Amino acid sequence: MKLRRSPQTCQVLHGLLRSPQEWRHGYEMSLNTGLKSGTLYPILIRLAEQQLLETKWEDPKNGRPPRHLYRLTQRGIEVAQNSVIESQPLTSTKPAFGM
């Protein structure tokens, strides 16, 4: 399955790339990216199915139910780094058309 590089997927990858070995909750990622759960979680599921993310359940604490945690795999880090490069806008120091 090919990675869909929507702006939202790139946003999630960029966020995870800031600390690629750190486990993160979906709720934290939602706050950091501004993405709603209906957008974020399908992206996380696709990334995990493509083995770009590791997932695990957090142990319950103080009566709170367990939460799903996510972090990039080594392959995920490489894909995220490539998506950062590919999503950077092209800039020029000269005005267009020599003006």
PDB file of N, CA and C in Angstrom:
ATOM      1  N   MET A   1       0.843  -1.178   0.000  1.00  0.00           N
ATOM      2  CA  MET A   1       0.000   0.000   0.000  1.00  0.00           C
ATOM      3  C   MET A   1       0.889   1.242   0.000  1.00  0.00           C
ATOM      4  N   LYS A   2       0.580   2.164  -0.888  1.00  0.00           N
ATOM      5  CA  LYS A   2       1.375   3.378  -1.021  1.00  0.00           C
ATOM      6  C   LYS A   2       0.916   4.422  -0.003  1.00  0.00           C
ATOM      7  N   LEU A   3       1.872   5.172   0.539  1.00  0.00           N
ATOM      8  CA  LEU A   3       1.575   6.207   1.515  1.00  0.00           C
ATOM      9  C   LEU A   3       0.855   7.367   0.845  1.00  0.00           C
ATOM     10  N   ARG A   4      -0.293   7.735   1.397  1.00  0.00           N
ATOM     11  CA  ARG A   4      -1.006   8.929   0.929  1.00  0.00           C
ATOM     12  C   ARG A   4      -0.394  10.126   1.627  1.00  0.00           C
ATOM     13  N   ARG A   5       0.245  10.991   0.866  1.00  0.00           N
ATOM     14  CA  ARG A   5       0.928  12.140   1.462  1.00  0.00           C
ATOM     15  C   ARG A   5       0.048  13.373   1.421  1.00  0.00           C
ATOM     16  N   SER A   6      -1.061  13.282   2.097  1.00  0.00           N
ATOM     17  CA  SER A   6      -1.939  14.442   2.218  1.00  0.00           C
ATOM     18  C   SER A   6      -1.253  15.456   3.136  1.00  0.00           C
ATOM     19  N   PRO A   7      -1.679  16.690   3.099  1.00  0.00           N
ATOM     20  CA  PRO A   7      -1.104  17.675   4.023  1.00  0.00           C
ATOM     21  C   PRO A   7      -1.258  17.241   5.483  1.00  0.00           C
ATOM     22  N   GLN A   8      -2.367  16.571   5.799  1.00  0.00           N
ATOM     23  CA  GLN A   8      -2.591  16.115   7.164  1.00  0.00           C
ATOM     24  C   GLN A   8      -1.626  15.001   7.550  1.00  0.00           C
ATOM     25  N   THR A   9      -1.368  14.068   6.619  1.00  0.00           N
ATOM     26  CA  THR A   9      -0.410  12.997   6.896  1.00  0.00           C
ATOM     27  C   THR A   9       0.977  13.579   7.098  1.00  0.00           C
ATOM     28  N   CYS A  10       1.364  14.522   6.265  1.00  0.00           N
ATOM     29  CA  CYS A  10       2.670  15.180   6.421  1.00  0.00           C
ATOM     30  C   CYS A  10       2.745  15.900   7.755  1.00  0.00           C
ATOM     31  N   GLN A  11       1.651  16.520   8.167  1.00  0.00           N
ATOM     32  CA  GLN A  11       1.605  17.219   9.448  1.00  0.00           C
ATOM     33  C   GLN A  11       1.854  16.250  10.613  1.00  0.00           C
ATOM     34  N   VAL A  12       1.230  15.084  10.562  1.00  0.00           N
ATOM     35  CA  VAL A  12       1.418  14.064  11.606  1.00  0.00           C
ATOM     36  C   VAL A  12       2.867  13.571  11.594  1.00  0.00           C
ATOM     37  N   LEU A  13       3.386  13.258  10.407  1.00  0.00           N
ATOM     38  CA  LEU A  13       4.770  12.783  10.306  1.00  0.00           C
ATOM     39  C   LEU A  13       5.760  13.829  10.816  1.00  0.00           C
ATOM     40  N   HIS A  14       5.550  15.084  10.463  1.00  0.00           N
ATOM     41  CA  HIS A  14       6.445  16.150  10.918  1.00  0.00           C
ATOM     42  C   HIS A  14       6.411  16.257  12.437  1.00  0.00           C
ATOM     43  N   GLY A  15       5.217  16.162  13.015  1.00  0.00           N
ATOM     44  CA  GLY A  15       5.085  16.228  14.467  1.00  0.00           C
ATOM     45  C   GLY A  15       5.794  15.085  15.165  1.00  0.00           C
ATOM     46  N   LEU A  16       5.652  13.881  14.619  1.00  0.00           N
ATOM     47  CA  LEU A  16       6.314  12.715  15.215  1.00  0.00           C
ATOM     48  C   LEU A  16       7.826  12.779  15.032  1.00  0.00           C
ATOM     49  N   LEU A  17       8.273  13.401  13.963  1.00  0.00           N
ATOM     50  CA  LEU A  17       9.697  13.464  13.662  1.00  0.00           C
ATOM     51  C   LEU A  17      10.457  14.353  14.645  1.00  0.00           C
ATOM     52  N   ARG A  18       9.763  15.248  15.329  1.00  0.00           N
ATOM     53  CA  ARG A  18      10.435  16.126  16.302  1.00  0.00           C
ATOM     54  C   ARG A  18      11.120  15.330  17.402  1.00  0.00           C
ATOM     55  N   SER A  19      10.492  14.252  17.840  1.00  0.00           N
ATOM     56  CA  SER A  19      11.070  13.334  18.833  1.00  0.00           C
ATOM     57  C   SER A  19      10.671  11.923  18.433  1.00  0.00           C
ATOM     58  N   PRO A  20      11.360  11.361  17.437  1.00  0.00           N
ATOM     59  CA  PRO A  20      10.881  10.110  16.834  1.00  0.00           C
ATOM     60  C   PRO A  20      10.866   8.889  17.754  1.00  0.00           C
ATOM     61  N   GLN A  21      11.671   8.867  18.790  1.00  0.00           N
ATOM     62  CA  GLN A  21      11.693   7.699  19.673  1.00  0.00           C
ATOM     63  C   GLN A  21      10.775   7.851  20.879  1.00  0.00           C
ATOM     64  N   GLU A  22      10.123   8.991  21.003  1.00  0.00           N
ATOM     65  CA  GLU A  22       9.227   9.250  22.128  1.00  0.00           C
ATOM     66  C   GLU A  22       7.836   8.695  21.833  1.00  0.00           C
ATOM     67  N   TRP A  23       7.278   7.962  22.804  1.00  0.00           N
ATOM     68  CA  TRP A  23       5.917   7.448  22.666  1.00  0.00           C
ATOM     69  C   TRP A  23       4.945   8.596  22.870  1.00  0.00           C
ATOM     70  N   ARG A  24       3.906   8.670  22.031  1.00  0.00           N
ATOM     71  CA  ARG A  24       2.933   9.760  22.103  1.00  0.00           C
ATOM     72  C   ARG A  24       1.508   9.224  22.088  1.00  0.00           C
ATOM     73  N   HIS A  25       0.631   9.920  22.801  1.00  0.00           N
ATOM     74  CA  HIS A  25      -0.798   9.617  22.791  1.00  0.00           C
ATOM     75  C   HIS A  25      -1.443  10.320  21.601  1.00  0.00           C
ATOM     76  N   GLY A  26      -2.501   9.746  21.104  1.00  0.00           N
ATOM     77  CA  GLY A  26      -3.247  10.379  20.025  1.00  0.00           C
ATOM     78  C   GLY A  26      -3.782  11.740  20.436  1.00  0.00           C
ATOM     79  N   TYR A  27      -4.247  11.846  21.678  1.00  0.00           N
ATOM     80  CA  TYR A  27      -4.801  13.120  22.146  1.00  0.00           C
ATOM     81  C   TYR A  27      -3.740  14.215  22.108  1.00  0.00           C
ATOM     82  N   GLU A  28      -2.532  13.898  22.535  1.00  0.00           N
ATOM     83  CA  GLU A  28      -1.419  14.860  22.491  1.00  0.00           C
ATOM     84  C   GLU A  28      -1.143  15.291  21.051  1.00  0.00           C
ATOM     85  N   MET A  29      -1.133  14.329  20.134  1.00  0.00           N
ATOM     86  CA  MET A  29      -0.894  14.655  18.723  1.00  0.00           C
ATOM     87  C   MET A  29      -2.021  15.515  18.164  1.00  0.00           C
ATOM     88  N   SER A  30      -3.235  15.257  18.599  1.00  0.00           N
ATOM     89  CA  SER A  30      -4.374  16.051  18.156  1.00  0.00           C
ATOM     90  C   SER A  30      -4.208  17.506  18.604  1.00  0.00           C
ATOM     91  N   LEU A  31      -3.780  17.695  19.837  1.00  0.00           N
ATOM     92  CA  LEU A  31      -3.557  19.054  20.339  1.00  0.00           C
ATOM     93  C   LEU A  31      -2.430  19.755  19.581  1.00  0.00           C
ATOM     94  N   ASN A  32      -1.353  19.011  19.305  1.00  0.00           N
ATOM     95  CA  ASN A  32      -0.186  19.607  18.646  1.00  0.00           C
ATOM     96  C   ASN A  32      -0.427  19.910  17.169  1.00  0.00           C
ATOM     97  N   THR A  33      -1.237  19.104  16.513  1.00  0.00           N
ATOM     98  CA  THR A  33      -1.458  19.297  15.073  1.00  0.00           C
ATOM     99  C   THR A  33      -2.731  20.076  14.770  1.00  0.00           C
ATOM    100  N   GLY A  34      -3.653  20.099  15.727  1.00  0.00           N
ATOM    101  CA  GLY A  34      -4.944  20.735  15.475  1.00  0.00           C
ATOM    102  C   GLY A  34      -5.898  19.857  14.683  1.00  0.00           C
ATOM    103  N   LEU A  35      -5.502  18.605  14.437  1.00  0.00           N
ATOM    104  CA  LEU A  35      -6.355  17.679  13.684  1.00  0.00           C
ATOM    105  C   LEU A  35      -7.402  17.063  14.601  1.00  0.00           C
ATOM    106  N   LYS A  36      -8.598  16.925  14.101  1.00  0.00           N
ATOM    107  CA  LYS A  36      -9.679  16.271  14.846  1.00  0.00           C
ATOM    108  C   LYS A  36      -9.463  14.763  14.823  1.00  0.00           C
ATOM    109  N   SER A  37     -10.050  14.085  15.806  1.00  0.00           N
ATOM    110  CA  SER A  37      -9.853  12.641  15.934  1.00  0.00           C
ATOM    111  C   SER A  37     -10.296  11.879  14.685  1.00  0.00           C
ATOM    112  N   GLY A  38     -11.347  12.337  14.013  1.00  0.00           N
ATOM    113  CA  GLY A  38     -11.831  11.668  12.810  1.00  0.00           C
ATOM    114  C   GLY A  38     -10.867  11.755  11.642  1.00  0.00           C
ATOM    115  N   THR A  39      -9.927  12.678  11.713  1.00  0.00           N
ATOM    116  CA  THR A  39      -8.873  12.802  10.706  1.00  0.00           C
ATOM    117  C   THR A  39      -7.608  12.122  11.184  1.00  0.00           C
ATOM    118  N   LEU A  40      -7.243  12.358  12.444  1.00  0.00           N
ATOM    119  CA  LEU A  40      -5.976  11.867  12.989  1.00  0.00           C
ATOM    120  C   LEU A  40      -5.908  10.347  13.080  1.00  0.00           C
ATOM    121  N   TYR A  41      -6.909   9.718  13.700  1.00  0.00           N
ATOM    122  CA  TYR A  41      -6.815   8.280  13.953  1.00  0.00           C
ATOM    123  C   TYR A  41      -6.781   7.423  12.692  1.00  0.00           C
ATOM    124  N   PRO A  42      -7.542   7.744  11.649  1.00  0.00           N
ATOM    125  CA  PRO A  42      -7.367   6.969  10.407  1.00  0.00           C
ATOM    126  C   PRO A  42      -5.948   7.096   9.833  1.00  0.00           C
ATOM    127  N   ILE A  43      -5.342   8.276   9.969  1.00  0.00           N
ATOM    128  CA  ILE A  43      -3.953   8.447   9.511  1.00  0.00           C
ATOM    129  C   ILE A  43      -3.028   7.567  10.340  1.00  0.00           C
ATOM    130  N   LEU A  44      -3.202   7.566  11.654  1.00  0.00           N
ATOM    131  CA  LEU A  44      -2.354   6.740  12.525  1.00  0.00           C
ATOM    132  C   LEU A  44      -2.523   5.255  12.207  1.00  0.00           C
ATOM    133  N   ILE A  45      -3.736   4.832  11.947  1.00  0.00           N
ATOM    134  CA  ILE A  45      -3.991   3.427  11.610  1.00  0.00           C
ATOM    135  C   ILE A  45      -3.284   3.066  10.304  1.00  0.00           C
ATOM    136  N   ARG A  46      -3.407   3.936   9.281  1.00  0.00           N
ATOM    137  CA  ARG A  46      -2.734   3.658   8.000  1.00  0.00           C
ATOM    138  C   ARG A  46      -1.219   3.602   8.172  1.00  0.00           C
ATOM    139  N   LEU A  47      -0.667   4.538   8.933  1.00  0.00           N
ATOM    140  CA  LEU A  47       0.787   4.553   9.142  1.00  0.00           C
ATOM    141  C   LEU A  47       1.248   3.292   9.883  1.00  0.00           C
ATOM    142  N   ALA A  48       0.455   2.840  10.842  1.00  0.00           N
ATOM    143  CA  ALA A  48       0.804   1.617  11.578  1.00  0.00           C
ATOM    144  C   ALA A  48       0.689   0.393  10.664  1.00  0.00           C
ATOM    145  N   GLU A  49      -0.344   0.333   9.822  1.00  0.00           N
ATOM    146  CA  GLU A  49      -0.499  -0.793   8.896  1.00  0.00           C
ATOM    147  C   GLU A  49       0.657  -0.864   7.907  1.00  0.00           C
ATOM    148  N   GLN A  50       1.226   0.293   7.569  1.00  0.00           N
ATOM    149  CA  GLN A  50       2.355   0.343   6.638  1.00  0.00           C
ATOM    150  C   GLN A  50       3.694   0.210   7.371  1.00  0.00           C
ATOM    151  N   GLN A  51       3.620  -0.099   8.654  1.00  0.00           N
ATOM    152  CA  GLN A  51       4.785  -0.324   9.509  1.00  0.00           C
ATOM    153  C   GLN A  51       5.687   0.902   9.596  1.00  0.00           C
ATOM    154  N   LEU A  52       5.065   2.074   9.555  1.00  0.00           N
ATOM    155  CA  LEU A  52       5.799   3.320   9.749  1.00  0.00           C
ATOM    156  C   LEU A  52       5.700   3.784  11.199  1.00  0.00           C
ATOM    157  N   LEU A  53       4.732   3.190  11.940  1.00  0.00           N
ATOM    158  CA  LEU A  53       4.559   3.486  13.355  1.00  0.00           C
ATOM    159  C   LEU A  53       4.562   2.203  14.161  1.00  0.00           C
ATOM    160  N   GLU A  54       5.148   2.286  15.347  1.00  0.00           N
ATOM    161  CA  GLU A  54       4.988   1.241  16.358  1.00  0.00           C
ATOM    162  C   GLU A  54       3.830   1.678  17.234  1.00  0.00           C
ATOM    163  N   THR A  55       3.070   0.723  17.721  1.00  0.00           N
ATOM    164  CA  THR A  55       1.967   1.039  18.624  1.00  0.00           C
ATOM    165  C   THR A  55       2.032   0.122  19.831  1.00  0.00           C
ATOM    166  N   LYS A  56       1.533   0.619  20.942  1.00  0.00           N
ATOM    167  CA  LYS A  56       1.401  -0.211  22.143  1.00  0.00           C
ATOM    168  C   LYS A  56       0.352   0.424  23.042  1.00  0.00           C
ATOM    169  N   TRP A  57      -0.129  -0.374  23.970  1.00  0.00           N
ATOM    170  CA  TRP A  57      -1.093   0.120  24.944  1.00  0.00           C
ATOM    171  C   TRP A  57      -0.351   0.552  26.194  1.00  0.00           C
ATOM    172  N   GLU A  58      -0.729   1.706  26.718  1.00  0.00           N
ATOM    173  CA  GLU A  58      -0.173   2.202  27.974  1.00  0.00           C
ATOM    174  C   GLU A  58      -0.867   1.469  29.123  1.00  0.00           C
ATOM    175  N   ASP A  59      -0.122   1.189  30.158  1.00  0.00           N
ATOM    176  CA  ASP A  59      -0.722   0.570  31.343  1.00  0.00           C
ATOM    177  C   ASP A  59      -1.697   1.554  31.988  1.00  0.00           C
ATOM    178  N   PRO A  60      -2.828   1.049  32.483  1.00  0.00           N
ATOM    179  CA  PRO A  60      -3.782   1.947  33.147  1.00  0.00           C
ATOM    180  C   PRO A  60      -3.149   2.565  34.397  1.00  0.00           C
ATOM    181  N   LYS A  61      -3.469   3.828  34.653  1.00  0.00           N
ATOM    182  CA  LYS A  61      -2.939   4.530  35.827  1.00  0.00           C
ATOM    183  C   LYS A  61      -4.078   5.209  36.569  1.00  0.00           C
ATOM    184  N   ASN A  62      -4.082   5.051  37.877  1.00  0.00           N
ATOM    185  CA  ASN A  62      -5.041   5.760  38.743  1.00  0.00           C
ATOM    186  C   ASN A  62      -6.479   5.656  38.253  1.00  0.00           C
ATOM    187  N   GLY A  63      -6.873   4.474  37.829  1.00  0.00           N
ATOM    188  CA  GLY A  63      -8.234   4.253  37.389  1.00  0.00           C
ATOM    189  C   GLY A  63      -8.534   4.726  35.970  1.00  0.00           C
ATOM    190  N   ARG A  64      -7.535   5.314  35.307  1.00  0.00           N
ATOM    191  CA  ARG A  64      -7.733   5.767  33.932  1.00  0.00           C
ATOM    192  C   ARG A  64      -7.574   4.563  33.003  1.00  0.00           C
ATOM    193  N   PRO A  65      -8.416   4.459  31.986  1.00  0.00           N
ATOM    194  CA  PRO A  65      -8.275   3.324  31.065  1.00  0.00           C
ATOM    195  C   PRO A  65      -6.966   3.411  30.276  1.00  0.00           C
ATOM    196  N   PRO A  66      -6.495   2.266  29.762  1.00  0.00           N
ATOM    197  CA  PRO A  66      -5.254   2.294  28.970  1.00  0.00           C
ATOM    198  C   PRO A  66      -5.442   3.124  27.709  1.00  0.00           C
ATOM    199  N   ARG A  67      -4.351   3.751  27.283  1.00  0.00           N
ATOM    200  CA  ARG A  67      -4.386   4.554  26.051  1.00  0.00           C
ATOM    201  C   ARG A  67      -3.377   3.989  25.064  1.00  0.00           C
ATOM    202  N   HIS A  68      -3.678   4.186  23.797  1.00  0.00           N
ATOM    203  CA  HIS A  68      -2.800   3.735  22.726  1.00  0.00           C
ATOM    204  C   HIS A  68      -1.651   4.731  22.584  1.00  0.00           C
ATOM    205  N   LEU A  69      -0.437   4.219  22.401  1.00  0.00           N
ATOM    206  CA  LEU A  69       0.754   5.052  22.221  1.00  0.00           C
ATOM    207  C   LEU A  69       1.340   4.778  20.840  1.00  0.00           C
ATOM    208  N   TYR A  70       1.992   5.795  20.286  1.00  0.00           N
ATOM    209  CA  TYR A  70       2.541   5.713  18.934  1.00  0.00           C
ATOM    210  C   TYR A  70       3.936   6.310  18.896  1.00  0.00           C
ATOM    211  N   ARG A  71       4.804   5.736  18.043  1.00  0.00           N
ATOM    212  CA  ARG A  71       6.086   6.348  17.716  1.00  0.00           C
ATOM    213  C   ARG A  71       6.547   5.804  16.368  1.00  0.00           C
ATOM    214  N   LEU A  72       7.454   6.547  15.743  1.00  0.00           N
ATOM    215  CA  LEU A  72       7.944   6.163  14.421  1.00  0.00           C
ATOM    216  C   LEU A  72       8.877   4.957  14.493  1.00  0.00           C
ATOM    217  N   THR A  73       8.785   4.085  13.497  1.00  0.00           N
ATOM    218  CA  THR A  73       9.766   3.023  13.315  1.00  0.00           C
ATOM    219  C   THR A  73      10.958   3.636  12.565  1.00  0.00           C
ATOM    220  N   GLN A  74      12.016   2.871  12.389  1.00  0.00           N
ATOM    221  CA  GLN A  74      13.160   3.384  11.630  1.00  0.00           C
ATOM    222  C   GLN A  74      12.735   3.727  10.201  1.00  0.00           C
ATOM    223  N   ARG A  75      11.946   2.865   9.602  1.00  0.00           N
ATOM    224  CA  ARG A  75      11.437   3.146   8.254  1.00  0.00           C
ATOM    225  C   ARG A  75      10.541   4.380   8.274  1.00  0.00           C
ATOM    226  N   GLY A  76       9.750   4.528   9.320  1.00  0.00           N
ATOM    227  CA  GLY A  76       8.890   5.696   9.463  1.00  0.00           C
ATOM    228  C   GLY A  76       9.684   6.985   9.565  1.00  0.00           C
ATOM    229  N   ILE A  77      10.823   6.932  10.260  1.00  0.00           N
ATOM    230  CA  ILE A  77      11.694   8.104  10.368  1.00  0.00           C
ATOM    231  C   ILE A  77      12.193   8.500   8.982  1.00  0.00           C
ATOM    232  N   GLU A  78      12.607   7.519   8.202  1.00  0.00           N
ATOM    233  CA  GLU A  78      13.114   7.799   6.851  1.00  0.00           C
ATOM    234  C   GLU A  78      12.017   8.399   5.964  1.00  0.00           C
ATOM    235  N   VAL A  79      10.828   7.823   6.029  1.00  0.00           N
ATOM    236  CA  VAL A  79       9.712   8.333   5.228  1.00  0.00           C
ATOM    237  C   VAL A  79       9.343   9.745   5.678  1.00  0.00           C
ATOM    238  N   ALA A  80       9.321   9.966   6.995  1.00  0.00           N
ATOM    239  CA  ALA A  80       8.987  11.296   7.520  1.00  0.00           C
ATOM    240  C   ALA A  80      10.018  12.325   7.088  1.00  0.00           C
ATOM    241  N   GLN A  81      11.297  11.959   7.133  1.00  0.00           N
ATOM    242  CA  GLN A  81      12.340  12.894   6.692  1.00  0.00           C
ATOM    243  C   GLN A  81      12.179  13.227   5.220  1.00  0.00           C
ATOM    244  N   ASN A  82      11.870  12.233   4.401  1.00  0.00           N
ATOM    245  CA  ASN A  82      11.641  12.479   2.970  1.00  0.00           C
ATOM    246  C   ASN A  82      10.408  13.348   2.746  1.00  0.00           C
ATOM    247  N   SER A  83       9.366  13.153   3.543  1.00  0.00           N
ATOM    248  CA  SER A  83       8.152  13.953   3.359  1.00  0.00           C
ATOM    249  C   SER A  83       8.399  15.398   3.758  1.00  0.00           C
ATOM    250  N   VAL A  84       9.282  15.625   4.730  1.00  0.00           N
ATOM    251  CA  VAL A  84       9.630  16.994   5.116  1.00  0.00           C
ATOM    252  C   VAL A  84      10.319  17.679   3.948  1.00  0.00           C
ATOM    253  N   ILE A  85      11.263  16.989   3.328  1.00  0.00           N
ATOM    254  CA  ILE A  85      11.998  17.559   2.196  1.00  0.00           C
ATOM    255  C   ILE A  85      11.045  17.833   1.037  1.00  0.00           C
ATOM    256  N   GLU A  86      10.170  16.879   0.737  1.00  0.00           N
ATOM    257  CA  GLU A  86       9.264  17.013  -0.401  1.00  0.00           C
ATOM    258  C   GLU A  86       8.176  18.051  -0.177  1.00  0.00           C
ATOM    259  N   SER A  87       7.814  18.308   1.074  1.00  0.00           N
ATOM    260  CA  SER A  87       6.718  19.241   1.328  1.00  0.00           C
ATOM    261  C   SER A  87       7.189  20.671   1.533  1.00  0.00           C
ATOM    262  N   GLN A  88       8.518  20.903   1.565  1.00  0.00           N
ATOM    263  CA  GLN A  88       9.007  22.264   1.710  1.00  0.00           C
ATOM    264  C   GLN A  88       8.710  23.039   0.441  1.00  0.00           C
ATOM    265  N   PRO A  89       8.184  24.251   0.596  1.00  0.00           N
ATOM    266  CA  PRO A  89       7.860  25.033  -0.598  1.00  0.00           C
ATOM    267  C   PRO A  89       9.122  25.457  -1.338  1.00  0.00           C
ATOM    268  N   LEU A  90       8.986  25.538  -2.655  1.00  0.00           N
ATOM    269  CA  LEU A  90      10.100  26.019  -3.462  1.00  0.00           C
ATOM    270  C   LEU A  90      10.192  27.531  -3.283  1.00  0.00           C
ATOM    271  N   THR A  91      11.373  28.020  -2.989  1.00  0.00           N
ATOM    272  CA  THR A  91      11.552  29.450  -2.822  1.00  0.00           C
ATOM    273  C   THR A  91      12.643  29.933  -3.755  1.00  0.00           C
ATOM    274  N   SER A  92      12.569  31.176  -4.107  1.00  0.00           N
ATOM    275  CA  SER A  92      13.545  31.749  -5.003  1.00  0.00           C
ATOM    276  C   SER A  92      13.924  33.113  -4.468  1.00  0.00           C
ATOM    277  N   THR A  93      15.186  33.482  -4.652  1.00  0.00           N
ATOM    278  CA  THR A  93      15.632  34.800  -4.215  1.00  0.00           C
ATOM    279  C   THR A  93      15.401  35.838  -5.298  1.00  0.00           C
ATOM    280  N   LYS A  94      15.080  35.407  -6.513  1.00  0.00           N
ATOM    281  CA  LYS A  94      14.826  36.321  -7.617  1.00  0.00           C
ATOM    282  C   LYS A  94      13.334  36.404  -7.889  1.00  0.00           C
ATOM    283  N   PRO A  95      12.839  37.558  -8.289  1.00  0.00           N
ATOM    284  CA  PRO A  95      11.435  37.639  -8.672  1.00  0.00           C
ATOM    285  C   PRO A  95      11.166  36.776  -9.914  1.00  0.00           C
ATOM    286  N   ALA A  96       9.946  36.308 -10.013  1.00  0.00           N
ATOM    287  CA  ALA A  96       9.569  35.487 -11.165  1.00  0.00           C
ATOM    288  C   ALA A  96       9.667  36.275 -12.455  1.00  0.00           C
ATOM    289  N   PHE A  97      10.043  35.630 -13.511  1.00  0.00           N
ATOM    290  CA  PHE A  97      10.123  36.182 -14.866  1.00  0.00           C
ATOM    291  C   PHE A  97      11.052  37.378 -14.963  1.00  0.00           C
ATOM    292  N   GLY A  98      12.069  37.454 -14.113  1.00  0.00           N
ATOM    293  CA  GLY A  98      13.077  38.495 -14.216  1.00  0.00           C
ATOM    294  C   GLY A  98      12.599  39.882 -13.876  1.00  0.00           C
ATOM    295  N   MET A  99      11.488  40.006 -13.192  1.00  0.00           N
ATOM    296  CA  MET A  99      10.970  41.329 -12.832  1.00  0.00           C
ATOM    297  C   MET A  99      11.591  41.828 -11.556  1.00  0.00           C
TER     298      MET A  99
END
